[in-house]
């Protein structure tokens, strides 16, 4: 069951959208994406009320802009470390939702996914088995690889499009003048078709 966000949750989301980009980040010439909850609400309202269904592959880049993935940070004894594990784990879960299709990417996809999967339970977080400089190098490979993965699949997305799969009905199609399948005894065009 879905429920509305509480005021506290709305404030947290609003703060997240505004603060997700570091104040010192170089954003000159980059799209910063959606910056507050009102803008996000306007975007989603247009998406759901427009003339066509807009897939997430088109609207997610509008939300995030050209900015980097949202990695966590840890401050231990004054040393700030980047934590990519949660982001990578989420990415791996997304990959698992269409594992067979991702597998069609072959060796090229395996290579591109390697730095991401290095910080997940799937590989027992083997990315942490290296020295600090190597860990940082692997982490820095994540963002460009994600962009390359996106470009790779964008060029091939039609191959996996659901519209390319013919619809097979388990029952014959109901005609406008056929009896309505709801059992009312009325014609379909005068009952559930309206």
C-alpha atoms as a PDB file:
ATOM      1  CA  UNK A   1       0.000   0.000   0.000  1.00  0.00           C
ATOM      2  CA  UNK A   2       1.372   3.389  -0.971  1.00  0.00           C
ATOM      3  CA  UNK A   3       1.161   6.395   1.328  1.00  0.00           C
ATOM      4  CA  UNK A   4       2.047  10.051   0.940  1.00  0.00           C
ATOM      5  CA  UNK A   5       5.472  11.200   2.093  1.00  0.00           C
ATOM      6  CA  UNK A   6       5.469  12.837   5.510  1.00  0.00           C
ATOM      7  CA  UNK A   7       6.642  16.441   5.885  1.00  0.00           C
ATOM      8  CA  UNK A   8       9.909  15.140   7.348  1.00  0.00           C
ATOM      9  CA  UNK A   9      10.454  12.792   4.392  1.00  0.00           C
ATOM     10  CA  UNK A  10       9.667  15.617   1.951  1.00  0.00           C
ATOM     11  CA  UNK A  11      12.206  17.871   3.682  1.00  0.00           C
ATOM     12  CA  UNK A  12      14.863  15.112   3.594  1.00  0.00           C
ATOM     13  CA  UNK A  13      14.284  14.512  -0.122  1.00  0.00           C
ATOM     14  CA  UNK A  14      14.384  18.241  -0.830  1.00  0.00           C
ATOM     15  CA  UNK A  15      17.648  18.616   1.106  1.00  0.00           C
ATOM     16  CA  UNK A  16      19.132  15.583  -0.638  1.00  0.00           C
ATOM     17  CA  UNK A  17      18.359  16.927  -4.113  1.00  0.00           C
ATOM     18  CA  UNK A  18      19.921  20.280  -3.275  1.00  0.00           C
ATOM     19  CA  UNK A  19      22.936  18.995  -1.344  1.00  0.00           C
ATOM     20  CA  UNK A  20      23.851  15.938  -3.448  1.00  0.00           C
ATOM     21  CA  UNK A  21      26.352  17.985  -5.455  1.00  0.00           C
ATOM     22  CA  UNK A  22      29.392  19.083  -3.499  1.00  0.00           C
ATOM     23  CA  UNK A  23      29.702  22.870  -3.333  1.00  0.00           C
ATOM     24  CA  UNK A  24      33.290  22.580  -4.595  1.00  0.00           C
ATOM     25  CA  UNK A  25      32.361  20.372  -7.562  1.00  0.00           C
ATOM     26  CA  UNK A  26      33.244  21.635 -11.027  1.00  0.00           C
ATOM     27  CA  UNK A  27      29.788  22.023 -12.597  1.00  0.00           C
ATOM     28  CA  UNK A  28      30.605  24.643 -15.225  1.00  0.00           C
ATOM     29  CA  UNK A  29      28.820  23.651 -18.423  1.00  0.00           C
ATOM     30  CA  UNK A  30      27.188  20.623 -16.765  1.00  0.00           C
ATOM     31  CA  UNK A  31      23.504  19.985 -16.180  1.00  0.00           C
ATOM     32  CA  UNK A  32      22.946  19.804 -12.409  1.00  0.00           C
ATOM     33  CA  UNK A  33      19.675  17.917 -12.789  1.00  0.00           C
ATOM     34  CA  UNK A  34      16.664  18.474 -10.536  1.00  0.00           C
ATOM     35  CA  UNK A  35      17.522  20.640  -7.533  1.00  0.00           C
ATOM     36  CA  UNK A  36      14.416  20.503  -5.337  1.00  0.00           C
ATOM     37  CA  UNK A  37      11.245  18.576  -4.653  1.00  0.00           C
ATOM     38  CA  UNK A  38       8.999  21.114  -6.375  1.00  0.00           C
ATOM     39  CA  UNK A  39      10.962  20.759  -9.615  1.00  0.00           C
ATOM     40  CA  UNK A  40      10.877  16.957  -9.224  1.00  0.00           C
ATOM     41  CA  UNK A  41       7.110  17.047  -8.679  1.00  0.00           C
ATOM     42  CA  UNK A  42       6.631  19.200 -11.780  1.00  0.00           C
ATOM     43  CA  UNK A  43       8.744  16.801 -13.838  1.00  0.00           C
ATOM     44  CA  UNK A  44       6.857  13.710 -12.636  1.00  0.00           C
ATOM     45  CA  UNK A  45       3.474  15.395 -13.098  1.00  0.00           C
ATOM     46  CA  UNK A  46       4.290  16.159 -16.745  1.00  0.00           C
ATOM     47  CA  UNK A  47       5.585  12.615 -17.251  1.00  0.00           C
ATOM     48  CA  UNK A  48       2.423  10.919 -15.969  1.00  0.00           C
ATOM     49  CA  UNK A  49      -0.021  13.380 -17.534  1.00  0.00           C
ATOM     50  CA  UNK A  50       1.540  13.739 -20.982  1.00  0.00           C
ATOM     51  CA  UNK A  51       0.438  12.292 -24.311  1.00  0.00           C
ATOM     52  CA  UNK A  52       2.928   9.391 -24.315  1.00  0.00           C
ATOM     53  CA  UNK A  53       4.581   7.131 -21.785  1.00  0.00           C
ATOM     54  CA  UNK A  54       8.130   8.347 -21.176  1.00  0.00           C
ATOM     55  CA  UNK A  55      10.482   5.524 -20.146  1.00  0.00           C
ATOM     56  CA  UNK A  56      12.836   5.982 -17.180  1.00  0.00           C
ATOM     57  CA  UNK A  57      15.793   5.887 -19.573  1.00  0.00           C
ATOM     58  CA  UNK A  58      14.636   9.307 -20.770  1.00  0.00           C
ATOM     59  CA  UNK A  59      13.549  10.952 -17.527  1.00  0.00           C
ATOM     60  CA  UNK A  60      16.217   9.677 -15.096  1.00  0.00           C
ATOM     61  CA  UNK A  61      19.005  11.660 -16.813  1.00  0.00           C
ATOM     62  CA  UNK A  62      16.840  14.771 -16.365  1.00  0.00           C
ATOM     63  CA  UNK A  63      16.657  14.091 -12.625  1.00  0.00           C
ATOM     64  CA  UNK A  64      20.383  13.437 -12.165  1.00  0.00           C
ATOM     65  CA  UNK A  65      21.814  15.713 -14.871  1.00  0.00           C
ATOM     66  CA  UNK A  66      25.481  15.344 -15.789  1.00  0.00           C
ATOM     67  CA  UNK A  67      26.560  14.943 -12.202  1.00  0.00           C
ATOM     68  CA  UNK A  68      28.346  11.996 -10.660  1.00  0.00           C
ATOM     69  CA  UNK A  69      26.722   8.992  -8.972  1.00  0.00           C
ATOM     70  CA  UNK A  70      25.783   9.587  -5.351  1.00  0.00           C
ATOM     71  CA  UNK A  71      28.492   7.773  -3.396  1.00  0.00           C
ATOM     72  CA  UNK A  72      28.743   7.942   0.375  1.00  0.00           C
ATOM     73  CA  UNK A  73      31.734   9.262   2.299  1.00  0.00           C
ATOM     74  CA  UNK A  74      33.317   8.298   5.580  1.00  0.00           C
ATOM     75  CA  UNK A  75      35.376  10.586   7.787  1.00  0.00           C
ATOM     76  CA  UNK A  76      37.713   8.598  10.023  1.00  0.00           C
ATOM     77  CA  UNK A  77      40.285  10.559  11.994  1.00  0.00           C
ATOM     78  CA  UNK A  78      40.062  13.458   9.545  1.00  0.00           C
ATOM     79  CA  UNK A  79      40.586  11.278   6.457  1.00  0.00           C
ATOM     80  CA  UNK A  80      37.639  11.287   4.041  1.00  0.00           C
ATOM     81  CA  UNK A  81      37.111   8.061   2.127  1.00  0.00           C
ATOM     82  CA  UNK A  82      34.666   7.363  -0.674  1.00  0.00           C
ATOM     83  CA  UNK A  83      32.261   4.500  -0.032  1.00  0.00           C
ATOM     84  CA  UNK A  84      30.832   3.002  -3.219  1.00  0.00           C
ATOM     85  CA  UNK A  85      29.582  -0.320  -1.833  1.00  0.00           C
ATOM     86  CA  UNK A  86      25.919   0.620  -1.394  1.00  0.00           C
ATOM     87  CA  UNK A  87      25.692   2.275  -4.817  1.00  0.00           C
ATOM     88  CA  UNK A  88      27.377  -0.705  -6.480  1.00  0.00           C
ATOM     89  CA  UNK A  89      25.164  -3.150  -4.594  1.00  0.00           C
ATOM     90  CA  UNK A  90      22.080  -1.268  -5.849  1.00  0.00           C
ATOM     91  CA  UNK A  91      23.447  -1.313  -9.391  1.00  0.00           C
ATOM     92  CA  UNK A  92      24.064  -5.070  -9.147  1.00  0.00           C
ATOM     93  CA  UNK A  93      20.472  -5.569  -7.994  1.00  0.00           C
ATOM     94  CA  UNK A  94      19.285  -3.633 -11.033  1.00  0.00           C
ATOM     95  CA  UNK A  95      21.435  -5.807 -13.305  1.00  0.00           C
ATOM     96  CA  UNK A  96      19.964  -8.939 -11.698  1.00  0.00           C
ATOM     97  CA  UNK A  97      16.443  -7.839 -12.671  1.00  0.00           C
ATOM     98  CA  UNK A  98      17.320  -8.500 -16.341  1.00  0.00           C
ATOM     99  CA  UNK A  99      20.305 -10.850 -15.940  1.00  0.00           C
ATOM    100  CA  UNK A 100      19.698 -12.767 -19.178  1.00  0.00           C
ATOM    101  CA  UNK A 101      19.624  -9.581 -21.241  1.00  0.00           C
ATOM    102  CA  UNK A 102      22.726  -8.212 -19.511  1.00  0.00           C
ATOM    103  CA  UNK A 103      24.459 -11.504 -20.287  1.00  0.00           C
ATOM    104  CA  UNK A 104      23.953 -10.789 -23.985  1.00  0.00           C
ATOM    105  CA  UNK A 105      26.614  -8.086 -23.606  1.00  0.00           C
ATOM    106  CA  UNK A 106      29.261 -10.808 -23.452  1.00  0.00           C
ATOM    107  CA  UNK A 107      32.876 -10.132 -22.532  1.00  0.00           C
ATOM    108  CA  UNK A 108      32.607  -6.394 -23.231  1.00  0.00           C
ATOM    109  CA  UNK A 109      29.872  -6.091 -20.595  1.00  0.00           C
ATOM    110  CA  UNK A 110      31.770  -8.297 -18.144  1.00  0.00           C
ATOM    111  CA  UNK A 111      34.779  -5.975 -18.404  1.00  0.00           C
ATOM    112  CA  UNK A 112      32.648  -2.835 -17.969  1.00  0.00           C
ATOM    113  CA  UNK A 113      30.833  -4.297 -14.938  1.00  0.00           C
ATOM    114  CA  UNK A 114      34.012  -5.504 -13.196  1.00  0.00           C
ATOM    115  CA  UNK A 115      34.814  -2.348 -11.172  1.00  0.00           C
ATOM    116  CA  UNK A 116      31.169  -2.031 -10.114  1.00  0.00           C
ATOM    117  CA  UNK A 117      30.777  -5.646  -9.074  1.00  0.00           C
ATOM    118  CA  UNK A 118      34.113  -5.499  -7.219  1.00  0.00           C
ATOM    119  CA  UNK A 119      32.322  -3.660  -4.412  1.00  0.00           C
ATOM    120  CA  UNK A 120      29.310  -5.980  -4.069  1.00  0.00           C
ATOM    121  CA  UNK A 121      28.338  -9.127  -2.242  1.00  0.00           C
ATOM    122  CA  UNK A 122      28.368 -10.923  -5.616  1.00  0.00           C
ATOM    123  CA  UNK A 123      32.202 -10.838  -5.538  1.00  0.00           C
ATOM    124  CA  UNK A 124      32.488 -10.825  -1.750  1.00  0.00           C
ATOM    125  CA  UNK A 125      33.640  -7.178  -2.006  1.00  0.00           C
ATOM    126  CA  UNK A 126      36.977  -8.171  -3.529  1.00  0.00           C
ATOM    127  CA  UNK A 127      37.626  -4.547  -4.516  1.00  0.00           C
ATOM    128  CA  UNK A 128      38.664  -3.963  -0.909  1.00  0.00           C
ATOM    129  CA  UNK A 129      41.430  -6.576  -1.140  1.00  0.00           C
ATOM    130  CA  UNK A 130      43.818  -4.080  -2.778  1.00  0.00           C
ATOM    131  CA  UNK A 131      45.920  -1.271  -1.366  1.00  0.00           C
ATOM    132  CA  UNK A 132      44.382   2.187  -0.954  1.00  0.00           C
ATOM    133  CA  UNK A 133      45.650   3.543  -4.299  1.00  0.00           C
ATOM    134  CA  UNK A 134      44.371   0.526  -6.230  1.00  0.00           C
ATOM    135  CA  UNK A 135      40.986   0.738  -4.479  1.00  0.00           C
ATOM    136  CA  UNK A 136      40.753   4.402  -5.470  1.00  0.00           C
ATOM    137  CA  UNK A 137      41.639   3.555  -9.101  1.00  0.00           C
ATOM    138  CA  UNK A 138      38.933   0.895  -9.233  1.00  0.00           C
ATOM    139  CA  UNK A 139      36.415   3.304  -7.695  1.00  0.00           C
ATOM    140  CA  UNK A 140      37.327   5.993 -10.223  1.00  0.00           C
ATOM    141  CA  UNK A 141      36.598   3.541 -13.065  1.00  0.00           C
ATOM    142  CA  UNK A 142      32.960   3.157 -11.980  1.00  0.00           C
ATOM    143  CA  UNK A 143      31.539   6.436 -13.336  1.00  0.00           C
ATOM    144  CA  UNK A 144      33.073   6.280 -16.837  1.00  0.00           C
ATOM    145  CA  UNK A 145      32.147   2.594 -17.093  1.00  0.00           C
ATOM    146  CA  UNK A 146      28.541   3.338 -16.151  1.00  0.00           C
ATOM    147  CA  UNK A 147      28.387   5.964 -18.886  1.00  0.00           C
ATOM    148  CA  UNK A 148      29.863   3.509 -21.383  1.00  0.00           C
ATOM    149  CA  UNK A 149      27.403   0.804 -20.302  1.00  0.00           C
ATOM    150  CA  UNK A 150      24.540   3.235 -20.819  1.00  0.00           C
ATOM    151  CA  UNK A 151      25.760   4.113 -24.323  1.00  0.00           C
ATOM    152  CA  UNK A 152      26.267   0.423 -25.142  1.00  0.00           C
ATOM    153  CA  UNK A 153      22.717  -0.576 -24.200  1.00  0.00           C
ATOM    154  CA  UNK A 154      21.118   2.566 -25.593  1.00  0.00           C
ATOM    155  CA  UNK A 155      22.454   1.619 -29.032  1.00  0.00           C
ATOM    156  CA  UNK A 156      21.011  -1.902 -28.651  1.00  0.00           C
ATOM    157  CA  UNK A 157      17.830  -1.283 -26.664  1.00  0.00           C
ATOM    158  CA  UNK A 158      15.451  -2.023 -29.550  1.00  0.00           C
ATOM    159  CA  UNK A 159      16.699  -5.613 -29.581  1.00  0.00           C
ATOM    160  CA  UNK A 160      15.274  -6.039 -26.069  1.00  0.00           C
ATOM    161  CA  UNK A 161      12.236  -3.795 -26.396  1.00  0.00           C
ATOM    162  CA  UNK A 162       8.971  -5.332 -25.256  1.00  0.00           C
ATOM    163  CA  UNK A 163       7.360  -3.916 -28.385  1.00  0.00           C
ATOM    164  CA  UNK A 164       9.536  -6.268 -30.437  1.00  0.00           C
ATOM    165  CA  UNK A 165       7.898  -9.235 -28.693  1.00  0.00           C
ATOM    166  CA  UNK A 166       4.522 -10.130 -30.224  1.00  0.00           C
ATOM    167  CA  UNK A 167       1.610 -10.147 -27.804  1.00  0.00           C
ATOM    168  CA  UNK A 168       0.031 -13.567 -27.460  1.00  0.00           C
ATOM    169  CA  UNK A 169      -3.423 -13.687 -25.961  1.00  0.00           C
ATOM    170  CA  UNK A 170      -4.523 -16.654 -23.903  1.00  0.00           C
ATOM    171  CA  UNK A 171      -8.137 -15.988 -24.900  1.00  0.00           C
ATOM    172  CA  UNK A 172      -9.627 -14.563 -28.104  1.00  0.00           C
ATOM    173  CA  UNK A 173      -9.958 -10.799 -28.270  1.00  0.00           C
ATOM    174  CA  UNK A 174     -13.343  -9.403 -27.224  1.00  0.00           C
ATOM    175  CA  UNK A 175     -15.086  -7.511 -30.026  1.00  0.00           C
ATOM    176  CA  UNK A 176     -17.105  -4.337 -29.510  1.00  0.00           C
ATOM    177  CA  UNK A 177     -20.403  -6.132 -30.152  1.00  0.00           C
ATOM    178  CA  UNK A 178     -19.533  -9.330 -28.250  1.00  0.00           C
ATOM    179  CA  UNK A 179     -21.061 -10.003 -24.842  1.00  0.00           C
ATOM    180  CA  UNK A 180     -19.017  -8.303 -22.130  1.00  0.00           C
ATOM    181  CA  UNK A 181     -16.685 -10.776 -20.341  1.00  0.00           C
ATOM    182  CA  UNK A 182     -17.708  -9.298 -16.975  1.00  0.00           C
ATOM    183  CA  UNK A 183     -20.962 -11.296 -17.214  1.00  0.00           C
ATOM    184  CA  UNK A 184     -23.366  -8.346 -17.254  1.00  0.00           C
ATOM    185  CA  UNK A 185     -25.104  -9.625 -20.400  1.00  0.00           C
ATOM    186  CA  UNK A 186     -24.548  -6.278 -22.128  1.00  0.00           C
ATOM    187  CA  UNK A 187     -22.465  -5.714 -25.229  1.00  0.00           C
ATOM    188  CA  UNK A 188     -18.798  -4.939 -24.499  1.00  0.00           C
ATOM    189  CA  UNK A 189     -19.070  -1.491 -26.170  1.00  0.00           C
ATOM    190  CA  UNK A 190     -21.952  -0.568 -23.804  1.00  0.00           C
ATOM    191  CA  UNK A 191     -20.373  -1.994 -20.669  1.00  0.00           C
ATOM    192  CA  UNK A 192     -16.658  -2.253 -19.795  1.00  0.00           C
ATOM    193  CA  UNK A 193     -15.326  -0.647 -22.974  1.00  0.00           C
ATOM    194  CA  UNK A 194     -16.726   2.713 -21.829  1.00  0.00           C
END
